[in-house]
Amino acid sequence: MIKNFLQELRTQRWDDHRYYHHSRINQSLHFVSALSFLFAYVMLFFDPVVSALVGWLVSMTSRQAGHFFFEPKGYDHVNQATHEHKEDIKVGYNLQRKVVLMAIWAASPMVLYFDPTLFGLFKPWVTMTDFARQVAKIWLVVGIGGLLFRTIHLFFIRDVETGLVWMTKIITDPFNDLKLYHKAPLFLMKGELIDPGLHLVGELEEKHA
């Protein structure tokens, strides 16, 4: 069971890399995201509010900006797949689902602004510091909720193992991204916009097919 779990984890990680991380800009932003997420992980034990602020304002925004604005959306010649096909088979949050998640994240402070108690859950905020800390608490719930929602959703549309593997992948992504993309900023400064290694892997797979 453990062997199958680890193999599925490797498969999900490899599919995520080869399908959705061609751009060196995207890879570099994932490197920044990984560093800030690791900081957020540490701060989670000391100040969850700071952890949530860093996690959303730095880690998630840089991470998703790479996918939305810099990752190629045309035909993927390396994997011989259209963008639409990759979106359909995406295990986790595809771009459409990410739009919904990010919209909830962006709109959540408005709820607190119009109802400072958040339906009686909070003491009314007085200063902007109070407001920021209460927003961060909401964002922490949104983050955990988004992770659990998709995990449980995968239990039903795939199977329990796929959901648990995906959740494990998401939680450990910062460590894996740090290993995969730590050289991406250097390649980007050299003017390399697309990862050529993915094309080499694609050619090798075709030869062995």
Protein backbone atom coordinates (compact mmCIF):
# COMPACT_ATOMS: atom_id res chain seq x y z
CA MET A 1 0.00 0.00 0.00
CA ILE A 2 2.80 2.43 0.91
CA LYS A 3 4.66 1.55 -2.29
CA ASN A 4 1.56 2.27 -4.40
CA PHE A 5 0.97 5.53 -2.51
CA LEU A 6 4.52 6.74 -3.15
CA GLN A 7 4.35 5.72 -6.81
CA GLU A 8 1.09 7.64 -7.26
CA LEU A 9 2.69 10.63 -5.54
CA ARG A 10 5.63 10.52 -7.95
CA THR A 11 3.22 10.25 -10.88
CA GLN A 12 1.14 13.25 -9.77
CA ARG A 13 4.28 15.31 -9.20
CA TRP A 14 5.73 14.39 -12.59
CA ASP A 15 2.45 15.11 -14.41
CA ASP A 16 2.19 18.46 -12.66
CA HIS A 17 5.73 19.37 -13.68
CA ARG A 18 5.60 18.25 -17.31
CA TYR A 19 2.13 19.59 -18.04
CA TYR A 20 2.06 22.89 -16.16
CA HIS A 21 5.62 24.18 -15.64
CA HIS A 22 7.19 24.84 -19.02
CA SER A 23 7.81 28.55 -18.43
CA ARG A 24 11.01 29.56 -16.65
CA ILE A 25 9.13 32.59 -15.29
CA ASN A 26 6.50 30.29 -13.84
CA GLN A 27 9.21 28.05 -12.39
CA SER A 28 10.98 31.07 -10.86
CA LEU A 29 7.74 32.28 -9.29
CA HIS A 30 7.23 28.79 -7.89
CA PHE A 31 10.70 29.01 -6.36
CA VAL A 32 9.71 32.29 -4.66
CA SER A 33 6.41 30.72 -3.64
CA ALA A 34 8.18 27.69 -2.17
CA LEU A 35 10.50 29.83 -0.03
CA SER A 36 7.64 31.94 1.30
CA PHE A 37 5.47 28.87 1.91
CA LEU A 38 8.25 27.29 3.99
CA PHE A 39 8.43 30.50 6.02
CA ALA A 40 4.64 30.36 6.40
CA TYR A 41 4.87 26.74 7.57
CA VAL A 42 7.29 27.74 10.32
CA MET A 43 5.18 30.75 11.34
CA LEU A 44 2.12 28.53 11.57
CA PHE A 45 3.49 27.28 14.91
CA PHE A 46 4.21 30.78 16.24
CA ASP A 47 1.68 33.11 14.63
CA PRO A 48 -0.93 31.54 12.31
CA VAL A 49 -2.13 35.01 11.31
CA VAL A 50 1.26 35.96 9.89
CA SER A 51 1.43 32.53 8.27
CA ALA A 52 -1.90 33.10 6.50
CA LEU A 53 -0.92 36.59 5.32
CA VAL A 54 2.38 35.41 3.87
CA GLY A 55 0.80 32.26 2.46
CA TRP A 56 -1.86 34.12 0.53
CA LEU A 57 -0.30 37.51 -0.26
CA VAL A 58 3.12 36.17 -1.31
CA SER A 59 3.05 32.40 -1.80
CA MET A 60 -0.29 31.93 -3.52
CA THR A 61 -0.26 35.14 -5.58
CA SER A 62 3.22 34.47 -7.00
CA ARG A 63 2.38 30.81 -7.60
CA GLN A 64 -0.89 31.43 -9.42
CA ALA A 65 0.44 34.43 -11.35
CA GLY A 66 2.93 32.06 -12.94
CA HIS A 67 0.15 29.77 -14.11
CA PHE A 68 -2.29 32.44 -15.23
CA PHE A 69 0.04 34.88 -16.99
CA PHE A 70 3.22 33.10 -18.04
CA GLU A 71 2.54 29.43 -18.65
CA PRO A 72 1.87 28.66 -22.37
CA LYS A 73 -1.80 27.96 -23.13
CA GLY A 74 -1.36 26.67 -26.66
CA TYR A 75 -0.88 23.14 -27.93
CA ASP A 76 1.64 21.21 -25.81
CA HIS A 77 3.89 19.54 -28.38
CA VAL A 78 6.02 17.86 -25.71
CA ASN A 79 3.09 15.98 -24.23
CA GLN A 80 0.96 16.04 -27.41
CA ALA A 81 -2.00 17.52 -25.56
CA THR A 82 -4.20 20.58 -25.93
CA HIS A 83 -4.59 23.05 -23.11
CA GLU A 84 -8.26 22.05 -22.85
CA HIS A 85 -7.34 18.38 -22.47
CA LYS A 86 -4.85 19.16 -19.70
CA GLU A 87 -7.48 21.22 -17.92
CA ASP A 88 -9.95 18.33 -18.12
CA ILE A 89 -7.56 15.74 -16.67
CA LYS A 90 -6.06 18.00 -14.01
CA VAL A 91 -6.23 16.17 -10.67
CA GLY A 92 -6.24 19.24 -8.47
CA TYR A 93 -7.34 22.80 -9.17
CA ASN A 94 -7.34 23.62 -12.88
CA LEU A 95 -7.46 27.27 -13.95
CA GLN A 96 -11.24 27.44 -13.78
CA ARG A 97 -11.32 26.07 -10.24
CA LYS A 98 -8.46 28.37 -9.27
CA VAL A 99 -10.47 31.37 -10.47
CA VAL A 100 -13.27 30.36 -8.08
CA LEU A 101 -10.86 29.79 -5.19
CA MET A 102 -9.02 33.07 -5.75
CA ALA A 103 -12.33 34.92 -6.11
CA ILE A 104 -13.46 33.60 -2.71
CA TRP A 105 -10.11 34.64 -1.24
CA ALA A 106 -10.31 38.14 -2.74
CA ALA A 107 -13.95 38.70 -1.78
CA SER A 108 -13.70 37.45 1.81
CA PRO A 109 -12.38 40.77 3.26
CA MET A 110 -15.50 42.51 1.90
CA VAL A 111 -17.71 40.31 4.09
CA LEU A 112 -15.73 41.35 7.15
CA TYR A 113 -15.84 45.00 6.09
CA PHE A 114 -19.65 45.05 5.92
CA ASP A 115 -20.10 42.79 8.96
CA PRO A 116 -17.17 43.39 11.36
CA THR A 117 -18.34 40.53 13.61
CA LEU A 118 -18.59 38.00 10.72
CA PHE A 119 -22.01 36.84 11.89
CA GLY A 120 -20.96 37.02 15.53
CA LEU A 121 -17.73 35.05 15.23
CA PHE A 122 -15.37 38.02 15.78
CA LYS A 123 -15.21 41.02 18.02
CA PRO A 124 -15.76 44.11 15.85
CA TRP A 125 -12.45 45.33 14.47
CA VAL A 126 -11.37 48.84 15.44
CA THR A 127 -7.98 49.41 13.83
CA MET A 128 -6.66 48.31 10.45
CA THR A 129 -4.33 45.94 12.29
CA ASP A 130 -7.35 44.27 13.86
CA PHE A 131 -8.98 44.09 10.42
CA ALA A 132 -5.87 42.57 8.82
CA ARG A 133 -5.54 39.92 11.51
CA GLN A 134 -9.20 38.95 11.24
CA VAL A 135 -8.93 38.77 7.44
CA ALA A 136 -5.90 36.52 7.86
CA LYS A 137 -7.95 34.16 10.04
CA ILE A 138 -10.59 33.94 7.30
CA TRP A 139 -7.89 33.29 4.71
CA LEU A 140 -6.49 30.50 6.87
CA VAL A 141 -9.92 28.85 6.87
CA VAL A 142 -10.28 29.40 3.10
CA GLY A 143 -6.91 27.74 2.50
CA ILE A 144 -7.59 24.72 4.69
CA GLY A 145 -11.14 24.51 3.36
CA GLY A 146 -9.98 24.58 -0.25
CA LEU A 147 -7.52 21.78 0.43
CA LEU A 148 -10.05 19.59 2.23
CA PHE A 149 -12.86 20.29 -0.25
CA ARG A 150 -10.88 19.11 -3.28
CA THR A 151 -9.45 16.15 -1.35
CA ILE A 152 -12.92 14.90 -0.37
CA HIS A 153 -14.20 15.70 -3.85
CA LEU A 154 -11.51 13.42 -5.29
CA PHE A 155 -12.66 10.67 -2.92
CA PHE A 156 -15.93 10.56 -4.86
CA ILE A 157 -14.88 11.33 -8.45
CA ARG A 158 -11.67 9.25 -8.32
CA ASP A 159 -10.87 7.27 -5.18
CA VAL A 160 -9.66 7.80 -1.62
CA GLU A 161 -6.02 7.11 -2.45
CA THR A 162 -5.97 9.72 -5.24
CA GLY A 163 -7.41 12.31 -2.88
CA LEU A 164 -4.94 11.56 -0.10
CA VAL A 165 -2.02 11.51 -2.53
CA TRP A 166 -3.07 14.87 -3.96
CA MET A 167 -3.38 16.39 -0.47
CA THR A 168 0.08 15.06 0.40
CA LYS A 169 1.45 16.49 -2.83
CA ILE A 170 -0.01 19.93 -2.15
CA ILE A 171 1.33 20.07 1.41
CA THR A 172 4.81 18.95 0.34
CA ASP A 173 4.93 20.96 -2.90
CA PRO A 174 7.09 23.74 -1.40
CA PHE A 175 9.86 21.23 -0.61
CA ASN A 176 9.60 19.60 -4.03
CA ASP A 177 9.42 22.94 -5.88
CA LEU A 178 12.50 24.17 -4.07
CA LYS A 179 14.40 21.14 -5.35
CA LEU A 180 13.00 21.35 -8.89
CA TYR A 181 13.10 25.07 -9.56
CA HIS A 182 15.97 26.54 -7.52
CA LYS A 183 17.99 27.05 -10.72
CA ALA A 184 15.10 28.53 -12.70
CA PRO A 185 15.92 32.20 -11.85
CA LEU A 186 19.47 31.66 -13.09
CA PHE A 187 18.25 30.18 -16.39
CA LEU A 188 15.77 33.04 -16.69
CA MET A 189 18.52 35.65 -16.26
CA LYS A 190 20.36 33.93 -19.12
CA GLY A 191 17.34 34.59 -21.32
CA GLU A 192 15.86 31.08 -21.28
CA LEU A 193 12.07 31.45 -21.21
CA ILE A 194 11.05 27.82 -21.75
CA ASP A 195 12.52 24.79 -20.00
CA PRO A 196 14.33 22.80 -22.74
CA GLY A 197 14.64 19.78 -20.46
CA LEU A 198 10.95 19.03 -20.92
CA HIS A 199 11.43 18.81 -24.68
CA LEU A 200 14.35 16.43 -24.22
CA VAL A 201 12.26 14.21 -21.96
CA GLY A 202 9.46 14.27 -24.51
CA GLU A 203 11.83 13.14 -27.28
CA LEU A 204 13.18 10.32 -25.10
CA GLU A 205 9.67 9.11 -24.31
CA GLU A 206 8.83 9.06 -28.04
CA LYS A 207 11.94 6.97 -28.82
CA HIS A 208 11.05 4.41 -26.17
CA ALA A 209 7.37 4.30 -27.11
